[in-house]
Amino acid sequence: QVQLVESGGGLAQAGGSLRLSCTASGTTFSINAMGWYRQAPGKQREMVAVISPGGSRRMYADSVKGRFTISRDTAKKMVYLQMNNLKPEDTAVYYCNVGRWVGAYAPSDSWGQGTQVTVSS
């Protein structure tokens, strides 16, 4: 059974930075694509950033391009999301997902519990 645990959320001021971490267990991490999603109150969950199993391919939502960076450490079975120049509209619960890379990211039904990110103006 796949388990994903996110950490690193919190309160930041606009223009500030946060780094989210997600640790994965119960899966062969090296062959999994990984993704970060977020859900703001009253909105649907949306993709933020995804990374291929080897880390060579990354995709970002237009709203975070140039500000967020996804990375992974296969040895530690962890995936990270570095968030810089945060904006109030980045406020959401952020979720980690393990998926497949089939030309694009295919999410699974395995989600972590989420970590809250709140950005004040």
Protein backbone atom coordinates (compact mmCIF):
# COMPACT_ATOMS: atom_id res chain seq x y z
CA GLN A 1 0.00 0.00 0.00
CA VAL A 2 1.38 3.35 -1.04
CA GLN A 3 1.83 5.94 1.68
CA LEU A 4 2.68 9.56 1.00
CA VAL A 5 3.44 12.06 3.73
CA GLU A 6 3.78 15.76 2.98
CA SER A 7 5.47 18.35 5.17
CA GLY A 8 6.82 21.87 4.99
CA GLY A 9 3.66 23.89 4.65
CA GLY A 10 2.93 26.93 6.74
CA LEU A 11 2.37 30.64 6.64
CA ALA A 12 4.43 32.88 4.37
CA GLN A 13 4.25 36.47 3.25
CA ALA A 14 3.82 37.38 -0.37
CA GLY A 15 7.21 37.23 -2.04
CA GLY A 16 8.47 34.67 0.43
CA SER A 17 9.48 31.05 -0.01
CA LEU A 18 8.52 27.64 1.30
CA ARG A 19 9.83 24.18 0.54
CA LEU A 20 7.46 21.23 0.60
CA SER A 21 8.64 17.66 1.04
CA CYS A 22 6.91 14.36 0.39
CA THR A 23 8.17 10.97 1.45
CA ALA A 24 6.88 7.85 -0.27
CA SER A 25 6.72 4.27 0.97
CA GLY A 26 5.12 1.08 -0.24
CA THR A 27 6.06 1.71 -3.85
CA THR A 28 9.05 1.28 -6.16
CA PHE A 29 9.89 4.94 -6.07
CA SER A 30 12.52 4.83 -8.80
CA ILE A 31 9.99 3.89 -11.47
CA ASN A 32 7.24 6.24 -10.34
CA ALA A 33 6.52 9.66 -11.67
CA MET A 34 5.62 12.07 -8.89
CA GLY A 35 3.44 15.10 -8.74
CA TRP A 36 2.33 18.00 -6.60
CA TYR A 37 -1.27 19.15 -6.72
CA ARG A 38 -3.16 21.78 -4.77
CA GLN A 39 -6.72 22.55 -3.81
CA ALA A 40 -7.94 25.93 -2.71
CA PRO A 41 -11.24 26.38 -0.86
CA GLY A 42 -14.17 26.06 -3.23
CA LYS A 43 -11.97 25.03 -6.14
CA GLN A 44 -11.06 21.76 -7.80
CA ARG A 45 -7.74 20.10 -7.19
CA GLU A 46 -5.22 21.16 -9.83
CA MET A 47 -1.82 20.00 -10.96
CA VAL A 48 1.05 22.21 -9.82
CA ALA A 49 4.18 20.34 -10.92
CA VAL A 50 5.11 16.82 -11.99
CA ILE A 51 8.39 15.03 -12.55
CA SER A 52 9.30 11.90 -14.51
CA PRO A 53 10.84 8.83 -12.84
CA GLY A 54 14.39 9.79 -13.78
CA GLY A 55 13.83 13.46 -13.12
CA SER A 56 14.71 14.59 -16.63
CA ARG A 57 11.23 15.80 -17.50
CA ARG A 58 9.19 18.27 -15.51
CA MET A 59 5.96 20.04 -16.18
CA TYR A 60 4.46 23.01 -14.39
CA ALA A 61 1.15 24.79 -14.26
CA ASP A 62 1.37 28.11 -16.07
CA SER A 63 0.55 29.92 -12.85
CA VAL A 64 3.73 28.70 -11.11
CA LYS A 65 6.25 28.58 -13.95
CA GLY A 66 9.43 30.42 -13.07
CA ARG A 67 8.53 30.45 -9.36
CA PHE A 68 8.22 26.79 -8.33
CA THR A 69 10.70 23.97 -8.84
CA ILE A 70 9.98 20.25 -8.42
CA SER A 71 12.82 17.86 -7.68
CA ARG A 72 13.30 14.34 -6.39
CA ASP A 73 15.81 12.29 -4.43
CA THR A 74 15.37 8.68 -5.45
CA ALA A 75 17.71 7.35 -2.77
CA LYS A 76 15.62 9.00 -0.06
CA LYS A 77 12.31 8.32 -1.82
CA MET A 78 11.40 11.96 -1.54
CA VAL A 79 10.03 14.62 -3.82
CA TYR A 80 10.27 18.34 -3.14
CA LEU A 81 8.54 21.50 -4.23
CA GLN A 82 10.54 24.70 -3.84
CA MET A 83 8.14 27.63 -3.93
CA ASN A 84 9.58 31.10 -4.40
CA ASN A 85 7.97 34.49 -4.87
CA LEU A 86 4.78 33.20 -3.29
CA LYS A 87 1.50 34.94 -4.03
CA PRO A 88 -1.75 34.98 -2.05
CA GLU A 89 -3.35 32.94 -4.83
CA ASP A 90 -0.93 30.11 -4.01
CA THR A 91 -2.86 29.57 -0.77
CA ALA A 92 -4.16 26.00 -0.82
CA VAL A 93 -3.71 22.53 0.58
CA TYR A 94 -0.85 20.90 -1.32
CA TYR A 95 -0.91 17.19 -2.02
CA CYS A 96 1.70 14.72 -3.19
CA ASN A 97 0.78 12.07 -5.75
CA VAL A 98 2.52 9.03 -7.18
CA GLY A 99 1.76 8.28 -10.80
CA ARG A 100 3.03 7.13 -14.16
CA TRP A 101 4.74 8.90 -17.02
CA VAL A 102 3.11 7.93 -20.30
CA GLY A 103 4.15 10.87 -22.43
CA ALA A 104 2.53 13.00 -19.81
CA TYR A 105 1.80 12.55 -16.13
CA ALA A 106 -0.93 10.07 -15.26
CA PRO A 107 -1.95 10.46 -11.60
CA SER A 108 -2.97 7.58 -9.40
CA ASP A 109 -5.54 7.48 -6.65
CA SER A 110 -2.77 7.56 -4.03
CA TRP A 111 -2.64 10.86 -2.19
CA GLY A 112 -1.03 12.14 0.95
CA GLN A 113 -2.94 13.91 3.69
CA GLY A 114 -1.92 17.31 2.36
CA THR A 115 -0.08 20.26 3.84
CA GLN A 116 -1.57 23.72 4.18
CA VAL A 117 0.17 26.67 2.54
CA THR A 118 -1.13 30.12 3.41
CA VAL A 119 0.30 33.23 1.79
CA SER A 120 -0.56 36.60 3.24
CA SER A 121 -0.50 39.81 1.26
